[in-house]
């Protein structure tokens, strides 16, 4: 059963997508140049983008069977008078699922609100007794990403050269939320998922209503395809990872439901609850992540 939760990096990518796009459903206007703050305006009160702080709960299921849950906390940090969005998401398998396969995951991303680009991202990934932590720091001026991985007591570091047009998963999500999309539109771009570059393509397939947390909403269905770019291409064709995403038809486009195919059936992620939260006295800082 829990083979479905070993769909790395698709499960991690699902969590990252939820981490970035979900808050846009609750009051934030469109991004990518339409209502972004001035880069020279560090004061939080000068933001022209409302920050929808809160706790968002998503439920993962396999063929309709509850199998995991994800929580997202949205906060604002002010490191040395420079404001950042902080998206912190976690996911864990249910007690029943733990009997077959135990998964715990955390994603923390700091985003520059002026550009919509991730400055730093850290991912904790536990599958049974195997634990891996990764950190990626982006330097867009030099077109580089500095990647560090901690696994089984060993540390691995490398510098990744970003090809022209490469974006991180967060930037991909924010860009998707603000595009003018119509049925039939297609896109293709490069996305860096931790230290793996992927060619991502998608087409807006159709309009259809979806039920989210008891509400019916008009949605666009798109189907992103992920093809890993190998350093040494093999003779056999590359594997294509497929995800179906339902986003709101109105702008900004936000994810209402996500589904990823597995060996048997599919994994689905849906929003189930939203709660306001009080400001935390000890929220994480960029320098401590």
C-alpha atoms as a PDB file:
ATOM      1  CA  UNK A   1       0.000   0.000   0.000  1.00  0.00           C
ATOM      2  CA  UNK A   2       2.615   2.535   1.028  1.00  0.00           C
ATOM      3  CA  UNK A   3       4.605   2.186  -2.167  1.00  0.00           C
ATOM      4  CA  UNK A   4       2.477   5.179  -3.117  1.00  0.00           C
ATOM      5  CA  UNK A   5       4.213   7.367  -0.523  1.00  0.00           C
ATOM      6  CA  UNK A   6       7.648   6.492  -1.837  1.00  0.00           C
ATOM      7  CA  UNK A   7       7.029   8.501  -4.988  1.00  0.00           C
ATOM      8  CA  UNK A   8       9.965  10.840  -4.309  1.00  0.00           C
ATOM      9  CA  UNK A   9      10.437  13.490  -5.431  1.00  0.00           C
ATOM     10  CA  UNK A  10       6.743  13.744  -6.333  1.00  0.00           C
ATOM     11  CA  UNK A  11       5.481  13.655  -2.734  1.00  0.00           C
ATOM     12  CA  UNK A  12       8.032  16.295  -1.741  1.00  0.00           C
ATOM     13  CA  UNK A  13       7.051  18.348  -4.770  1.00  0.00           C
ATOM     14  CA  UNK A  14       3.370  18.058  -3.791  1.00  0.00           C
ATOM     15  CA  UNK A  15       4.248  19.385  -0.325  1.00  0.00           C
ATOM     16  CA  UNK A  16       6.255  22.262  -1.806  1.00  0.00           C
ATOM     17  CA  UNK A  17       3.424  23.140  -4.190  1.00  0.00           C
ATOM     18  CA  UNK A  18       0.948  23.205  -1.309  1.00  0.00           C
ATOM     19  CA  UNK A  19       3.401  25.205   0.777  1.00  0.00           C
ATOM     20  CA  UNK A  20       3.641  27.985  -1.778  1.00  0.00           C
ATOM     21  CA  UNK A  21       0.298  28.246  -3.517  1.00  0.00           C
ATOM     22  CA  UNK A  22      -2.293  27.420  -0.862  1.00  0.00           C
ATOM     23  CA  UNK A  23      -2.143  30.788   0.959  1.00  0.00           C
ATOM     24  CA  UNK A  24      -2.858  32.631  -2.278  1.00  0.00           C
ATOM     25  CA  UNK A  25      -6.397  31.293  -2.080  1.00  0.00           C
ATOM     26  CA  UNK A  26      -7.118  33.366   0.990  1.00  0.00           C
ATOM     27  CA  UNK A  27      -6.753  37.012   0.145  1.00  0.00           C
ATOM     28  CA  UNK A  28      -3.461  37.569  -1.658  1.00  0.00           C
ATOM     29  CA  UNK A  29      -3.657  39.439  -4.978  1.00  0.00           C
ATOM     30  CA  UNK A  30      -1.717  38.313  -8.023  1.00  0.00           C
ATOM     31  CA  UNK A  31       2.079  38.348  -8.029  1.00  0.00           C
ATOM     32  CA  UNK A  32       4.811  38.428 -10.671  1.00  0.00           C
ATOM     33  CA  UNK A  33       4.892  42.162 -11.207  1.00  0.00           C
ATOM     34  CA  UNK A  34       1.227  42.970 -10.683  1.00  0.00           C
ATOM     35  CA  UNK A  35       1.243  44.045  -7.037  1.00  0.00           C
ATOM     36  CA  UNK A  36       4.721  43.343  -5.730  1.00  0.00           C
ATOM     37  CA  UNK A  37       6.467  45.480  -3.119  1.00  0.00           C
ATOM     38  CA  UNK A  38       9.347  47.773  -4.034  1.00  0.00           C
ATOM     39  CA  UNK A  39      12.712  46.047  -3.528  1.00  0.00           C
ATOM     40  CA  UNK A  40      13.911  49.136  -1.657  1.00  0.00           C
ATOM     41  CA  UNK A  41      11.009  49.111   0.820  1.00  0.00           C
ATOM     42  CA  UNK A  42      12.003  46.823   3.708  1.00  0.00           C
ATOM     43  CA  UNK A  43       9.254  47.829   6.139  1.00  0.00           C
ATOM     44  CA  UNK A  44       6.567  45.182   6.498  1.00  0.00           C
ATOM     45  CA  UNK A  45       3.811  47.783   6.722  1.00  0.00           C
ATOM     46  CA  UNK A  46       4.722  48.951   3.219  1.00  0.00           C
ATOM     47  CA  UNK A  47       3.868  45.589   1.679  1.00  0.00           C
ATOM     48  CA  UNK A  48       1.217  45.832  -1.000  1.00  0.00           C
ATOM     49  CA  UNK A  49       0.661  42.074  -0.883  1.00  0.00           C
ATOM     50  CA  UNK A  50      -1.449  40.968   2.105  1.00  0.00           C
ATOM     51  CA  UNK A  51       0.285  38.134   3.959  1.00  0.00           C
ATOM     52  CA  UNK A  52      -2.372  35.485   4.672  1.00  0.00           C
ATOM     53  CA  UNK A  53      -0.911  34.112   7.902  1.00  0.00           C
ATOM     54  CA  UNK A  54      -2.509  30.917   9.088  1.00  0.00           C
ATOM     55  CA  UNK A  55      -2.454  27.178   9.451  1.00  0.00           C
ATOM     56  CA  UNK A  56      -3.598  25.145   6.454  1.00  0.00           C
ATOM     57  CA  UNK A  57      -4.318  21.422   6.678  1.00  0.00           C
ATOM     58  CA  UNK A  58      -4.221  19.076   3.697  1.00  0.00           C
ATOM     59  CA  UNK A  59      -5.132  15.411   3.588  1.00  0.00           C
ATOM     60  CA  UNK A  60      -3.433  12.825   1.410  1.00  0.00           C
ATOM     61  CA  UNK A  61      -5.265   9.676   0.389  1.00  0.00           C
ATOM     62  CA  UNK A  62      -4.485   6.610  -1.677  1.00  0.00           C
ATOM     63  CA  UNK A  63      -7.423   5.463  -3.808  1.00  0.00           C
ATOM     64  CA  UNK A  64      -9.724   7.168  -1.297  1.00  0.00           C
ATOM     65  CA  UNK A  65      -8.028   5.660   1.781  1.00  0.00           C
ATOM     66  CA  UNK A  66      -6.619   8.330   4.177  1.00  0.00           C
ATOM     67  CA  UNK A  67      -2.853   7.816   4.309  1.00  0.00           C
ATOM     68  CA  UNK A  68      -1.128  11.076   5.284  1.00  0.00           C
ATOM     69  CA  UNK A  69      -1.710  14.638   6.435  1.00  0.00           C
ATOM     70  CA  UNK A  70       0.137  17.883   5.790  1.00  0.00           C
ATOM     71  CA  UNK A  71       0.120  21.152   7.753  1.00  0.00           C
ATOM     72  CA  UNK A  72       1.303  24.502   6.449  1.00  0.00           C
ATOM     73  CA  UNK A  73       2.187  27.553   8.542  1.00  0.00           C
ATOM     74  CA  UNK A  74       2.564  30.937   6.849  1.00  0.00           C
ATOM     75  CA  UNK A  75       4.533  33.666   8.631  1.00  0.00           C
ATOM     76  CA  UNK A  76       6.571  36.777   7.856  1.00  0.00           C
ATOM     77  CA  UNK A  77      10.184  37.146   8.941  1.00  0.00           C
ATOM     78  CA  UNK A  78      12.219  40.337   9.101  1.00  0.00           C
ATOM     79  CA  UNK A  79      15.895  39.450   8.965  1.00  0.00           C
ATOM     80  CA  UNK A  80      18.037  42.603   9.317  1.00  0.00           C
ATOM     81  CA  UNK A  81      15.102  44.794   8.253  1.00  0.00           C
ATOM     82  CA  UNK A  82      14.626  42.787   5.066  1.00  0.00           C
ATOM     83  CA  UNK A  83      11.202  41.064   4.995  1.00  0.00           C
ATOM     84  CA  UNK A  84      10.682  37.544   3.710  1.00  0.00           C
ATOM     85  CA  UNK A  85       7.768  35.207   3.317  1.00  0.00           C
ATOM     86  CA  UNK A  86       8.286  32.050   5.368  1.00  0.00           C
ATOM     87  CA  UNK A  87       6.394  28.952   4.239  1.00  0.00           C
ATOM     88  CA  UNK A  88       6.815  25.989   6.586  1.00  0.00           C
ATOM     89  CA  UNK A  89       5.056  22.733   5.729  1.00  0.00           C
ATOM     90  CA  UNK A  90       5.150  19.258   7.250  1.00  0.00           C
ATOM     91  CA  UNK A  91       3.661  15.916   6.252  1.00  0.00           C
ATOM     92  CA  UNK A  92       3.355  12.554   7.964  1.00  0.00           C
ATOM     93  CA  UNK A  93       1.736   9.237   7.244  1.00  0.00           C
ATOM     94  CA  UNK A  94      -1.223   8.093   9.345  1.00  0.00           C
ATOM     95  CA  UNK A  95      -0.826   5.615  12.209  1.00  0.00           C
ATOM     96  CA  UNK A  96      -2.271   2.879  10.028  1.00  0.00           C
ATOM     97  CA  UNK A  97       0.035   3.733   7.146  1.00  0.00           C
ATOM     98  CA  UNK A  98       3.021   3.750   9.524  1.00  0.00           C
ATOM     99  CA  UNK A  99       2.551  -0.008   9.927  1.00  0.00           C
ATOM    100  CA  UNK A 100       3.546  -0.427   6.283  1.00  0.00           C
ATOM    101  CA  UNK A 101       5.707   2.585   5.528  1.00  0.00           C
ATOM    102  CA  UNK A 102       6.596   5.518   7.765  1.00  0.00           C
ATOM    103  CA  UNK A 103       7.074   8.884   6.105  1.00  0.00           C
ATOM    104  CA  UNK A 104       7.855  12.246   7.709  1.00  0.00           C
ATOM    105  CA  UNK A 105       8.715  15.339   5.696  1.00  0.00           C
ATOM    106  CA  UNK A 106       9.274  19.030   6.359  1.00  0.00           C
ATOM    107  CA  UNK A 107       9.847  21.880   3.934  1.00  0.00           C
ATOM    108  CA  UNK A 108      10.850  25.405   4.935  1.00  0.00           C
ATOM    109  CA  UNK A 109      11.230  28.067   2.251  1.00  0.00           C
ATOM    110  CA  UNK A 110      12.091  31.752   2.476  1.00  0.00           C
ATOM    111  CA  UNK A 111      10.864  33.823  -0.465  1.00  0.00           C
ATOM    112  CA  UNK A 112      11.786  37.332  -1.551  1.00  0.00           C
ATOM    113  CA  UNK A 113       8.384  39.060  -1.943  1.00  0.00           C
ATOM    114  CA  UNK A 114       9.828  41.535  -4.445  1.00  0.00           C
ATOM    115  CA  UNK A 115      10.826  38.844  -6.949  1.00  0.00           C
ATOM    116  CA  UNK A 116       8.830  35.751  -5.950  1.00  0.00           C
ATOM    117  CA  UNK A 117      12.069  33.740  -5.873  1.00  0.00           C
ATOM    118  CA  UNK A 118      13.200  31.394  -3.156  1.00  0.00           C
ATOM    119  CA  UNK A 119      16.340  32.498  -1.330  1.00  0.00           C
ATOM    120  CA  UNK A 120      16.745  29.400   0.797  1.00  0.00           C
ATOM    121  CA  UNK A 121      14.974  26.062   1.126  1.00  0.00           C
ATOM    122  CA  UNK A 122      15.472  23.204   3.550  1.00  0.00           C
ATOM    123  CA  UNK A 123      13.869  19.759   3.235  1.00  0.00           C
ATOM    124  CA  UNK A 124      13.769  17.015   5.876  1.00  0.00           C
ATOM    125  CA  UNK A 125      12.822  13.624   4.439  1.00  0.00           C
ATOM    126  CA  UNK A 126      12.364  10.473   6.553  1.00  0.00           C
ATOM    127  CA  UNK A 127      11.288   7.167   5.047  1.00  0.00           C
ATOM    128  CA  UNK A 128      11.232   4.438   7.693  1.00  0.00           C
ATOM    129  CA  UNK A 129      14.696   4.654   9.328  1.00  0.00           C
ATOM    130  CA  UNK A 130      16.297   6.472   6.409  1.00  0.00           C
ATOM    131  CA  UNK A 131      16.679  10.191   7.072  1.00  0.00           C
ATOM    132  CA  UNK A 132      17.946  12.827   4.655  1.00  0.00           C
ATOM    133  CA  UNK A 133      18.159  16.595   5.122  1.00  0.00           C
ATOM    134  CA  UNK A 134      18.958  18.958   2.276  1.00  0.00           C
ATOM    135  CA  UNK A 135      19.497  22.684   2.018  1.00  0.00           C
ATOM    136  CA  UNK A 136      19.571  24.770  -1.157  1.00  0.00           C
ATOM    137  CA  UNK A 137      20.705  28.399  -1.267  1.00  0.00           C
ATOM    138  CA  UNK A 138      20.050  30.277  -4.499  1.00  0.00           C
ATOM    139  CA  UNK A 139      22.367  32.923  -5.968  1.00  0.00           C
ATOM    140  CA  UNK A 140      20.531  34.301  -8.967  1.00  0.00           C
ATOM    141  CA  UNK A 141      23.190  36.925  -9.714  1.00  0.00           C
ATOM    142  CA  UNK A 142      25.724  34.202 -10.503  1.00  0.00           C
ATOM    143  CA  UNK A 143      23.128  31.684 -11.790  1.00  0.00           C
ATOM    144  CA  UNK A 144      24.150  29.162  -9.124  1.00  0.00           C
ATOM    145  CA  UNK A 145      22.552  27.093  -6.390  1.00  0.00           C
ATOM    146  CA  UNK A 146      24.542  25.810  -3.414  1.00  0.00           C
ATOM    147  CA  UNK A 147      23.273  22.401  -2.379  1.00  0.00           C
ATOM    148  CA  UNK A 148      24.105  20.539   0.854  1.00  0.00           C
ATOM    149  CA  UNK A 149      22.877  17.072   1.833  1.00  0.00           C
ATOM    150  CA  UNK A 150      23.167  15.355   5.215  1.00  0.00           C
ATOM    151  CA  UNK A 151      22.568  11.587   5.111  1.00  0.00           C
ATOM    152  CA  UNK A 152      23.748   8.748   7.376  1.00  0.00           C
ATOM    153  CA  UNK A 153      26.204  11.013   9.180  1.00  0.00           C
ATOM    154  CA  UNK A 154      27.823  12.236   5.977  1.00  0.00           C
ATOM    155  CA  UNK A 155      27.648  15.649   4.342  1.00  0.00           C
ATOM    156  CA  UNK A 156      27.738  16.243   0.604  1.00  0.00           C
ATOM    157  CA  UNK A 157      28.064  19.679  -0.978  1.00  0.00           C
ATOM    158  CA  UNK A 158      27.992  20.843  -4.557  1.00  0.00           C
ATOM    159  CA  UNK A 159      27.457  23.941  -6.627  1.00  0.00           C
ATOM    160  CA  UNK A 160      24.792  23.651  -9.312  1.00  0.00           C
ATOM    161  CA  UNK A 161      24.978  25.821 -12.409  1.00  0.00           C
ATOM    162  CA  UNK A 162      21.509  27.068 -13.283  1.00  0.00           C
ATOM    163  CA  UNK A 163      20.729  27.074 -16.973  1.00  0.00           C
ATOM    164  CA  UNK A 164      19.027  30.140 -18.375  1.00  0.00           C
ATOM    165  CA  UNK A 165      15.368  30.132 -17.394  1.00  0.00           C
ATOM    166  CA  UNK A 166      15.756  27.590 -14.565  1.00  0.00           C
ATOM    167  CA  UNK A 167      13.430  28.210 -11.626  1.00  0.00           C
ATOM    168  CA  UNK A 168      12.932  26.564  -8.255  1.00  0.00           C
ATOM    169  CA  UNK A 169       9.615  24.858  -7.351  1.00  0.00           C
ATOM    170  CA  UNK A 170       8.464  27.916  -5.409  1.00  0.00           C
ATOM    171  CA  UNK A 171       9.092  30.326  -8.278  1.00  0.00           C
ATOM    172  CA  UNK A 172       7.351  27.893 -10.614  1.00  0.00           C
ATOM    173  CA  UNK A 173       4.279  27.904  -8.373  1.00  0.00           C
ATOM    174  CA  UNK A 174       4.142  31.680  -8.006  1.00  0.00           C
ATOM    175  CA  UNK A 175       4.548  32.109 -11.749  1.00  0.00           C
ATOM    176  CA  UNK A 176       1.776  29.606 -12.413  1.00  0.00           C
ATOM    177  CA  UNK A 177      -0.570  31.428 -10.056  1.00  0.00           C
ATOM    178  CA  UNK A 178      -0.314  34.719 -11.959  1.00  0.00           C
ATOM    179  CA  UNK A 179      -0.371  33.596 -15.604  1.00  0.00           C
ATOM    180  CA  UNK A 180      -3.378  34.209 -17.805  1.00  0.00           C
ATOM    181  CA  UNK A 181      -4.365  30.651 -18.622  1.00  0.00           C
ATOM    182  CA  UNK A 182      -6.888  29.350 -21.120  1.00  0.00           C
ATOM    183  CA  UNK A 183      -7.827  25.849 -22.205  1.00  0.00           C
ATOM    184  CA  UNK A 184      -5.246  24.644 -24.711  1.00  0.00           C
ATOM    185  CA  UNK A 185      -2.361  26.769 -23.408  1.00  0.00           C
ATOM    186  CA  UNK A 186       0.957  24.919 -23.059  1.00  0.00           C
ATOM    187  CA  UNK A 187       4.177  25.775 -21.238  1.00  0.00           C
ATOM    188  CA  UNK A 188       7.645  24.249 -20.918  1.00  0.00           C
ATOM    189  CA  UNK A 189      10.390  25.210 -18.445  1.00  0.00           C
ATOM    190  CA  UNK A 190      13.291  23.944 -16.331  1.00  0.00           C
ATOM    191  CA  UNK A 191      12.767  23.379 -12.589  1.00  0.00           C
ATOM    192  CA  UNK A 192      15.452  22.496 -10.030  1.00  0.00           C
ATOM    193  CA  UNK A 193      14.059  20.063  -7.419  1.00  0.00           C
ATOM    194  CA  UNK A 194      16.739  19.867  -4.708  1.00  0.00           C
ATOM    195  CA  UNK A 195      19.793  18.909  -6.829  1.00  0.00           C
ATOM    196  CA  UNK A 196      17.903  17.363  -9.743  1.00  0.00           C
ATOM    197  CA  UNK A 197      17.010  19.445 -12.815  1.00  0.00           C
ATOM    198  CA  UNK A 198      13.704  18.596 -14.492  1.00  0.00           C
ATOM    199  CA  UNK A 199      12.109  19.655 -17.726  1.00  0.00           C
ATOM    200  CA  UNK A 200       8.500  20.438 -16.851  1.00  0.00           C
ATOM    201  CA  UNK A 201       5.769  20.785 -19.443  1.00  0.00           C
ATOM    202  CA  UNK A 202       2.044  21.179 -18.992  1.00  0.00           C
ATOM    203  CA  UNK A 203      -1.130  21.885 -20.930  1.00  0.00           C
ATOM    204  CA  UNK A 204      -4.383  23.377 -19.678  1.00  0.00           C
ATOM    205  CA  UNK A 205      -6.688  20.476 -20.526  1.00  0.00           C
ATOM    206  CA  UNK A 206     -10.203  21.581 -19.624  1.00  0.00           C
ATOM    207  CA  UNK A 207     -12.504  23.497 -17.296  1.00  0.00           C
ATOM    208  CA  UNK A 208     -14.373  21.512 -14.666  1.00  0.00           C
ATOM    209  CA  UNK A 209     -15.834  22.051 -11.162  1.00  0.00           C
ATOM    210  CA  UNK A 210     -14.158  20.480  -8.130  1.00  0.00           C
ATOM    211  CA  UNK A 211     -15.302  20.100  -4.518  1.00  0.00           C
ATOM    212  CA  UNK A 212     -12.930  21.587  -1.938  1.00  0.00           C
ATOM    213  CA  UNK A 213     -13.700  21.537   1.794  1.00  0.00           C
ATOM    214  CA  UNK A 214     -17.425  21.272   1.062  1.00  0.00           C
ATOM    215  CA  UNK A 215     -17.461  24.001  -1.595  1.00  0.00           C
ATOM    216  CA  UNK A 216     -17.766  23.608  -5.342  1.00  0.00           C
ATOM    217  CA  UNK A 217     -15.319  25.792  -7.270  1.00  0.00           C
ATOM    218  CA  UNK A 218     -14.659  26.397 -10.959  1.00  0.00           C
ATOM    219  CA  UNK A 219     -11.266  24.993 -11.887  1.00  0.00           C
ATOM    220  CA  UNK A 220      -8.799  24.469 -14.702  1.00  0.00           C
ATOM    221  CA  UNK A 221      -7.268  21.017 -14.969  1.00  0.00           C
ATOM    222  CA  UNK A 222      -3.647  20.836 -15.995  1.00  0.00           C
ATOM    223  CA  UNK A 223      -1.292  17.871 -16.126  1.00  0.00           C
ATOM    224  CA  UNK A 224       2.379  18.725 -15.527  1.00  0.00           C
ATOM    225  CA  UNK A 225       4.903  16.166 -16.765  1.00  0.00           C
ATOM    226  CA  UNK A 226       8.357  15.952 -15.170  1.00  0.00           C
ATOM    227  CA  UNK A 227      11.339  14.545 -17.069  1.00  0.00           C
ATOM    228  CA  UNK A 228      14.619  14.351 -15.171  1.00  0.00           C
ATOM    229  CA  UNK A 229      17.561  15.789 -17.090  1.00  0.00           C
ATOM    230  CA  UNK A 230      20.371  13.247 -16.770  1.00  0.00           C
ATOM    231  CA  UNK A 231      24.078  14.129 -16.898  1.00  0.00           C
ATOM    232  CA  UNK A 232      24.687  10.898 -18.791  1.00  0.00           C
ATOM    233  CA  UNK A 233      21.545  10.050 -20.749  1.00  0.00           C
ATOM    234  CA  UNK A 234      20.783   6.337 -20.892  1.00  0.00           C
ATOM    235  CA  UNK A 235      19.818   4.552 -24.061  1.00  0.00           C
ATOM    236  CA  UNK A 236      16.332   3.813 -22.816  1.00  0.00           C
ATOM    237  CA  UNK A 237      13.748   6.647 -22.871  1.00  0.00           C
ATOM    238  CA  UNK A 238      13.587   8.756 -19.675  1.00  0.00           C
ATOM    239  CA  UNK A 239      10.792   8.065 -17.211  1.00  0.00           C
ATOM    240  CA  UNK A 240       8.008  10.625 -17.273  1.00  0.00           C
ATOM    241  CA  UNK A 241       6.439  11.535 -13.924  1.00  0.00           C
ATOM    242  CA  UNK A 242       2.876  12.813 -14.233  1.00  0.00           C
ATOM    243  CA  UNK A 243       0.801  14.915 -11.831  1.00  0.00           C
ATOM    244  CA  UNK A 244      -2.733  16.250 -12.295  1.00  0.00           C
ATOM    245  CA  UNK A 245      -3.445  19.648 -10.768  1.00  0.00           C
ATOM    246  CA  UNK A 246      -6.768  21.464 -10.440  1.00  0.00           C
ATOM    247  CA  UNK A 247      -6.334  25.216 -10.006  1.00  0.00           C
ATOM    248  CA  UNK A 248      -8.927  27.940  -9.564  1.00  0.00           C
ATOM    249  CA  UNK A 249     -10.118  29.400 -12.854  1.00  0.00           C
ATOM    250  CA  UNK A 250      -9.992  32.951 -11.481  1.00  0.00           C
ATOM    251  CA  UNK A 251      -6.690  34.717 -10.861  1.00  0.00           C
ATOM    252  CA  UNK A 252      -4.579  34.219  -8.908  1.00  0.00           C
ATOM    253  CA  UNK A 253      -4.736  30.529  -9.832  1.00  0.00           C
ATOM    254  CA  UNK A 254      -4.432  28.463  -6.667  1.00  0.00           C
ATOM    255  CA  UNK A 255      -4.291  24.668  -6.231  1.00  0.00           C
ATOM    256  CA  UNK A 256      -7.577  23.159  -5.169  1.00  0.00           C
ATOM    257  CA  UNK A 257      -6.629  19.522  -5.591  1.00  0.00           C
ATOM    258  CA  UNK A 258      -3.601  17.502  -6.688  1.00  0.00           C
ATOM    259  CA  UNK A 259      -3.255  13.922  -7.813  1.00  0.00           C
ATOM    260  CA  UNK A 260      -0.191  11.809  -8.598  1.00  0.00           C
ATOM    261  CA  UNK A 261      -0.242   8.375 -10.232  1.00  0.00           C
ATOM    262  CA  UNK A 262       1.467   5.467  -8.475  1.00  0.00           C
ATOM    263  CA  UNK A 263       2.222   1.845  -9.300  1.00  0.00           C
ATOM    264  CA  UNK A 264      -1.295   0.968  -8.136  1.00  0.00           C
ATOM    265  CA  UNK A 265      -3.873   3.745  -8.197  1.00  0.00           C
ATOM    266  CA  UNK A 266      -3.100   7.328  -7.254  1.00  0.00           C
ATOM    267  CA  UNK A 267      -2.301   9.697  -4.380  1.00  0.00           C
ATOM    268  CA  UNK A 268      -4.592  12.712  -3.890  1.00  0.00           C
ATOM    269  CA  UNK A 269      -4.000  15.862  -1.812  1.00  0.00           C
ATOM    270  CA  UNK A 270      -6.946  18.104  -0.865  1.00  0.00           C
ATOM    271  CA  UNK A 271      -7.410  21.127   1.371  1.00  0.00           C
ATOM    272  CA  UNK A 272      -9.532  20.216   4.413  1.00  0.00           C
ATOM    273  CA  UNK A 273      -9.141  23.064   6.937  1.00  0.00           C
ATOM    274  CA  UNK A 274      -7.874  26.629   7.443  1.00  0.00           C
ATOM    275  CA  UNK A 275      -7.208  28.295  10.821  1.00  0.00           C
ATOM    276  CA  UNK A 276      -5.837  31.727  11.770  1.00  0.00           C
ATOM    277  CA  UNK A 277      -2.822  31.652  14.056  1.00  0.00           C
ATOM    278  CA  UNK A 278      -1.343  34.160  16.498  1.00  0.00           C
ATOM    279  CA  UNK A 279       2.136  35.523  15.697  1.00  0.00           C
ATOM    280  CA  UNK A 280       4.795  33.228  17.099  1.00  0.00           C
ATOM    281  CA  UNK A 281       7.257  34.767  19.529  1.00  0.00           C
ATOM    282  CA  UNK A 282      10.008  32.457  18.362  1.00  0.00           C
ATOM    283  CA  UNK A 283       9.513  32.036  14.633  1.00  0.00           C
ATOM    284  CA  UNK A 284      12.432  30.686  12.572  1.00  0.00           C
ATOM    285  CA  UNK A 285      14.968  33.105  11.135  1.00  0.00           C
ATOM    286  CA  UNK A 286      16.739  32.823   7.799  1.00  0.00           C
ATOM    287  CA  UNK A 287      20.142  32.532   9.453  1.00  0.00           C
ATOM    288  CA  UNK A 288      18.949  29.655  11.666  1.00  0.00           C
ATOM    289  CA  UNK A 289      17.313  27.494   9.039  1.00  0.00           C
END
